[in-house]
């Protein structure tokens, strides 16, 4: 057993947010918020998506849990537009 669970419970027709081919190559990414399927080609997401992996610690009600989710760029923009304190943005000077 992998130890992974869905917090909202499994709904009929629900899909995993990320699928990998044998060999570990990324095959599918789905936005956890809106359900949009992100374009993936040759194992690389070909449109804006943010992947969050967070291990909760001692001072949380979620201590011992690791949460994973993806948001498409539109859902990310909608989320951060609600922040009281804006996200800090800096220009990336080198692209790898």
N, C-alpha and C. Protein backbone atom coordinates (compact mmCIF):
# COMPACT_ATOMS: atom_id res chain seq x y z
N UNK A 1 0.85 -1.18 0.00
CA UNK A 1 0.00 0.00 0.00
C UNK A 1 0.89 1.23 0.00
N UNK A 2 0.56 2.23 -0.81
CA UNK A 2 1.42 3.40 -0.99
C UNK A 2 1.29 4.41 0.14
N UNK A 3 0.22 4.35 0.91
CA UNK A 3 0.02 5.33 1.97
C UNK A 3 -0.63 6.61 1.49
N UNK A 4 -0.94 6.71 0.20
CA UNK A 4 -1.58 7.91 -0.33
C UNK A 4 -3.08 7.79 -0.20
N UNK A 5 -3.73 8.90 0.13
CA UNK A 5 -5.18 8.93 0.22
C UNK A 5 -5.67 10.23 -0.37
N UNK A 6 -6.91 10.23 -0.78
CA UNK A 6 -7.53 11.45 -1.29
C UNK A 6 -8.32 12.07 -0.15
N UNK A 7 -8.07 13.36 0.13
CA UNK A 7 -8.75 14.00 1.25
C UNK A 7 -10.22 14.18 1.01
N UNK A 8 -10.63 14.40 -0.23
CA UNK A 8 -12.03 14.62 -0.52
C UNK A 8 -12.79 13.33 -0.74
N UNK A 9 -12.11 12.21 -0.65
CA UNK A 9 -12.74 10.94 -0.97
C UNK A 9 -12.73 10.74 -2.47
N UNK A 10 -12.75 9.52 -2.90
CA UNK A 10 -12.72 9.22 -4.33
C UNK A 10 -14.11 9.40 -4.91
N UNK A 11 -14.23 10.26 -5.92
CA UNK A 11 -15.52 10.49 -6.58
C UNK A 11 -15.58 9.67 -7.87
N UNK A 12 -16.79 9.35 -8.28
CA UNK A 12 -16.99 8.59 -9.52
C UNK A 12 -16.34 9.34 -10.68
N UNK A 13 -15.51 8.63 -11.45
CA UNK A 13 -14.87 9.23 -12.61
C UNK A 13 -13.63 10.05 -12.27
N UNK A 14 -13.29 10.13 -10.99
CA UNK A 14 -12.13 10.93 -10.59
C UNK A 14 -10.86 10.32 -11.17
N UNK A 15 -9.95 11.17 -11.58
CA UNK A 15 -8.69 10.72 -12.15
C UNK A 15 -7.54 11.14 -11.25
N UNK A 16 -6.42 10.45 -11.38
CA UNK A 16 -5.24 10.86 -10.65
C UNK A 16 -4.70 12.13 -11.26
N UNK A 17 -4.14 13.00 -10.43
CA UNK A 17 -3.64 14.27 -10.94
C UNK A 17 -2.39 14.10 -11.80
N UNK A 18 -1.59 13.08 -11.52
CA UNK A 18 -0.40 12.80 -12.32
C UNK A 18 -0.31 11.31 -12.60
N UNK A 19 0.02 10.99 -13.83
CA UNK A 19 0.27 9.59 -14.21
C UNK A 19 1.64 9.54 -14.87
N UNK A 20 2.33 8.43 -14.64
CA UNK A 20 3.64 8.21 -15.21
C UNK A 20 3.64 6.92 -15.99
N UNK A 21 4.37 6.91 -17.10
CA UNK A 21 4.54 5.70 -17.90
C UNK A 21 5.52 4.79 -17.17
N UNK A 22 5.56 3.53 -17.59
CA UNK A 22 6.62 2.65 -17.08
C UNK A 22 7.95 3.29 -17.41
N UNK A 23 8.84 3.34 -16.46
CA UNK A 23 10.11 4.03 -16.66
C UNK A 23 10.10 5.41 -16.04
N UNK A 24 8.95 5.84 -15.53
CA UNK A 24 8.89 7.08 -14.77
C UNK A 24 8.66 8.35 -15.57
N UNK A 25 8.43 8.25 -16.89
CA UNK A 25 8.20 9.46 -17.69
C UNK A 25 6.79 9.99 -17.46
N UNK A 26 6.69 11.29 -17.22
CA UNK A 26 5.39 11.93 -17.01
C UNK A 26 4.51 11.73 -18.23
N UNK A 27 3.25 11.32 -17.98
CA UNK A 27 2.32 11.06 -19.07
C UNK A 27 1.12 12.01 -19.03
N UNK A 28 0.60 12.27 -17.82
CA UNK A 28 -0.62 13.07 -17.66
C UNK A 28 -0.52 13.96 -16.43
N UNK A 29 -0.99 15.21 -16.56
CA UNK A 29 -1.13 16.12 -15.42
C UNK A 29 -2.53 16.72 -15.50
N UNK A 30 -3.24 16.72 -14.37
CA UNK A 30 -4.59 17.28 -14.30
C UNK A 30 -4.62 18.29 -13.16
N UNK A 31 -5.18 19.48 -13.42
CA UNK A 31 -5.32 20.50 -12.38
C UNK A 31 -6.28 20.00 -11.32
N UNK A 32 -5.84 20.00 -10.07
CA UNK A 32 -6.69 19.55 -8.97
C UNK A 32 -7.88 20.48 -8.74
N UNK A 33 -7.79 21.73 -9.14
CA UNK A 33 -8.86 22.70 -8.88
C UNK A 33 -9.97 22.60 -9.92
N UNK A 34 -9.63 22.76 -11.19
CA UNK A 34 -10.65 22.81 -12.24
C UNK A 34 -10.77 21.53 -13.06
N UNK A 35 -9.81 20.62 -12.93
CA UNK A 35 -9.85 19.37 -13.67
C UNK A 35 -9.29 19.44 -15.08
N UNK A 36 -8.73 20.59 -15.45
CA UNK A 36 -8.17 20.74 -16.80
C UNK A 36 -7.01 19.78 -16.99
N UNK A 37 -6.98 19.11 -18.14
CA UNK A 37 -5.88 18.22 -18.49
C UNK A 37 -4.77 19.07 -19.13
N UNK A 38 -3.61 19.06 -18.53
CA UNK A 38 -2.46 19.83 -19.00
C UNK A 38 -1.78 19.07 -20.13
N UNK A 39 -1.39 19.79 -21.17
CA UNK A 39 -0.70 19.16 -22.30
C UNK A 39 0.68 18.69 -21.85
N UNK A 40 0.95 17.40 -22.07
CA UNK A 40 2.25 16.80 -21.75
C UNK A 40 2.79 16.18 -23.03
N UNK A 41 4.02 16.50 -23.37
CA UNK A 41 4.67 15.94 -24.55
C UNK A 41 6.08 15.52 -24.18
N UNK A 42 6.42 14.29 -24.51
CA UNK A 42 7.75 13.74 -24.23
C UNK A 42 8.13 13.90 -22.76
N UNK A 43 7.14 13.72 -21.88
CA UNK A 43 7.40 13.75 -20.44
C UNK A 43 7.49 15.13 -19.83
N UNK A 44 7.16 16.17 -20.60
CA UNK A 44 7.28 17.55 -20.11
C UNK A 44 5.94 18.26 -20.26
N UNK A 45 5.49 18.92 -19.17
CA UNK A 45 4.27 19.72 -19.24
C UNK A 45 4.53 20.88 -20.18
N UNK A 46 3.64 21.07 -21.17
CA UNK A 46 3.85 22.08 -22.22
C UNK A 46 3.00 23.32 -22.02
N UNK A 47 2.47 23.50 -20.82
CA UNK A 47 1.77 24.74 -20.48
C UNK A 47 1.96 24.97 -18.98
N UNK A 48 1.59 26.15 -18.54
CA UNK A 48 1.85 26.54 -17.16
C UNK A 48 1.12 25.67 -16.14
N UNK A 49 1.87 25.14 -15.21
CA UNK A 49 1.31 24.33 -14.11
C UNK A 49 2.25 24.45 -12.92
N UNK A 50 1.68 24.55 -11.73
CA UNK A 50 2.49 24.58 -10.51
C UNK A 50 2.21 23.30 -9.75
N UNK A 51 3.27 22.64 -9.31
CA UNK A 51 3.18 21.39 -8.56
C UNK A 51 3.59 21.67 -7.13
N UNK A 52 2.71 21.36 -6.19
CA UNK A 52 2.98 21.58 -4.77
C UNK A 52 3.12 20.24 -4.08
N UNK A 53 4.19 20.08 -3.33
CA UNK A 53 4.43 18.92 -2.48
C UNK A 53 4.84 19.48 -1.13
N UNK A 54 3.98 19.30 -0.13
CA UNK A 54 4.27 19.90 1.17
C UNK A 54 4.14 18.88 2.29
N UNK A 55 5.21 18.75 3.08
CA UNK A 55 5.20 17.89 4.27
C UNK A 55 4.83 18.75 5.47
N UNK A 56 3.68 18.47 6.05
CA UNK A 56 3.23 19.22 7.23
C UNK A 56 4.06 18.80 8.43
N UNK A 57 4.25 19.72 9.37
CA UNK A 57 5.14 19.45 10.50
C UNK A 57 4.40 19.44 11.83
N UNK A 58 5.16 19.45 12.91
CA UNK A 58 4.67 19.28 14.27
C UNK A 58 3.57 20.24 14.68
N UNK A 59 3.61 21.46 14.20
CA UNK A 59 2.70 22.49 14.68
C UNK A 59 1.44 22.60 13.84
N UNK A 60 1.11 21.56 13.13
CA UNK A 60 -0.04 21.53 12.25
C UNK A 60 -0.99 20.41 12.65
N UNK A 61 -2.25 20.59 12.34
CA UNK A 61 -3.23 19.52 12.54
C UNK A 61 -2.98 18.39 11.52
N UNK A 62 -2.15 18.64 10.52
CA UNK A 62 -1.86 17.66 9.48
C UNK A 62 -0.48 17.04 9.67
N UNK A 63 0.07 17.12 10.86
CA UNK A 63 1.40 16.58 11.17
C UNK A 63 1.52 15.14 10.65
N UNK A 64 2.59 14.89 9.92
CA UNK A 64 2.84 13.57 9.39
C UNK A 64 2.24 13.32 8.02
N UNK A 65 1.49 14.28 7.49
CA UNK A 65 0.91 14.13 6.16
C UNK A 65 1.74 14.90 5.13
N UNK A 66 1.80 14.36 3.92
CA UNK A 66 2.42 15.05 2.80
C UNK A 66 1.33 15.26 1.76
N UNK A 67 1.10 16.51 1.39
CA UNK A 67 0.06 16.84 0.41
C UNK A 67 0.70 17.15 -0.93
N UNK A 68 0.08 16.64 -2.00
CA UNK A 68 0.55 16.84 -3.38
C UNK A 68 -0.62 17.36 -4.20
N UNK A 69 -0.38 18.43 -4.98
CA UNK A 69 -1.40 18.86 -5.92
C UNK A 69 -0.80 19.72 -7.01
N UNK A 70 -1.56 19.82 -8.12
CA UNK A 70 -1.17 20.64 -9.27
C UNK A 70 -2.26 21.66 -9.53
N UNK A 71 -1.85 22.86 -9.93
CA UNK A 71 -2.79 23.89 -10.35
C UNK A 71 -2.37 24.40 -11.73
N UNK A 72 -3.35 24.53 -12.63
CA UNK A 72 -3.06 25.16 -13.92
C UNK A 72 -2.80 26.64 -13.66
N UNK A 73 -2.28 27.32 -14.65
CA UNK A 73 -1.93 28.73 -14.47
C UNK A 73 -3.16 29.60 -14.16
N UNK A 74 -4.29 29.32 -14.78
CA UNK A 74 -5.50 30.11 -14.50
C UNK A 74 -5.96 29.94 -13.06
N UNK A 75 -5.95 28.72 -12.54
CA UNK A 75 -6.37 28.49 -11.16
C UNK A 75 -5.37 29.10 -10.18
N UNK A 76 -4.09 29.03 -10.50
CA UNK A 76 -3.08 29.67 -9.66
C UNK A 76 -3.33 31.18 -9.60
N UNK A 77 -3.56 31.79 -10.77
CA UNK A 77 -3.81 33.23 -10.81
C UNK A 77 -5.05 33.60 -9.99
N UNK A 78 -6.10 32.79 -10.10
CA UNK A 78 -7.32 33.06 -9.33
C UNK A 78 -7.06 32.93 -7.83
N UNK A 79 -6.30 31.93 -7.44
CA UNK A 79 -5.97 31.73 -6.02
C UNK A 79 -5.19 32.91 -5.46
N UNK A 80 -4.11 33.30 -6.13
CA UNK A 80 -3.27 34.35 -5.57
C UNK A 80 -3.92 35.73 -5.65
N UNK A 81 -4.93 35.89 -6.52
CA UNK A 81 -5.62 37.18 -6.59
C UNK A 81 -6.40 37.45 -5.30
N UNK A 82 -6.66 36.42 -4.51
CA UNK A 82 -7.39 36.54 -3.25
C UNK A 82 -6.47 36.81 -2.06
N UNK A 83 -5.15 36.73 -2.24
CA UNK A 83 -4.21 36.92 -1.13
C UNK A 83 -4.26 38.35 -0.61
N UNK A 84 -4.18 38.50 0.69
CA UNK A 84 -4.10 39.82 1.32
C UNK A 84 -2.72 40.44 1.07
N UNK A 85 -1.70 39.60 1.07
CA UNK A 85 -0.33 40.04 0.79
C UNK A 85 0.08 39.38 -0.52
N UNK A 86 0.40 40.17 -1.55
CA UNK A 86 0.72 39.59 -2.86
C UNK A 86 1.96 38.70 -2.81
N UNK A 87 2.01 37.74 -3.73
CA UNK A 87 3.21 36.90 -3.85
C UNK A 87 4.37 37.77 -4.30
N UNK A 88 5.56 37.39 -3.89
CA UNK A 88 6.76 38.09 -4.36
C UNK A 88 7.17 37.47 -5.69
N UNK A 89 7.42 38.31 -6.66
CA UNK A 89 7.80 37.85 -7.99
C UNK A 89 9.15 38.45 -8.32
N UNK A 90 10.07 37.62 -8.79
CA UNK A 90 11.35 38.12 -9.26
C UNK A 90 11.62 37.54 -10.63
N UNK A 91 12.39 38.25 -11.41
CA UNK A 91 12.70 37.81 -12.76
C UNK A 91 13.77 36.74 -12.71
N UNK A 92 13.54 35.66 -13.46
CA UNK A 92 14.54 34.60 -13.56
C UNK A 92 15.56 35.03 -14.60
N UNK A 93 16.82 35.11 -14.20
CA UNK A 93 17.84 35.63 -15.09
C UNK A 93 18.43 34.57 -16.01
N UNK A 94 18.44 33.33 -15.56
CA UNK A 94 18.98 32.26 -16.39
C UNK A 94 17.96 31.15 -16.50
N UNK A 95 17.77 30.63 -17.68
CA UNK A 95 16.88 29.51 -17.90
C UNK A 95 17.73 28.27 -18.09
N UNK A 96 17.39 27.23 -17.37
CA UNK A 96 18.16 25.98 -17.48
C UNK A 96 17.57 25.07 -18.49
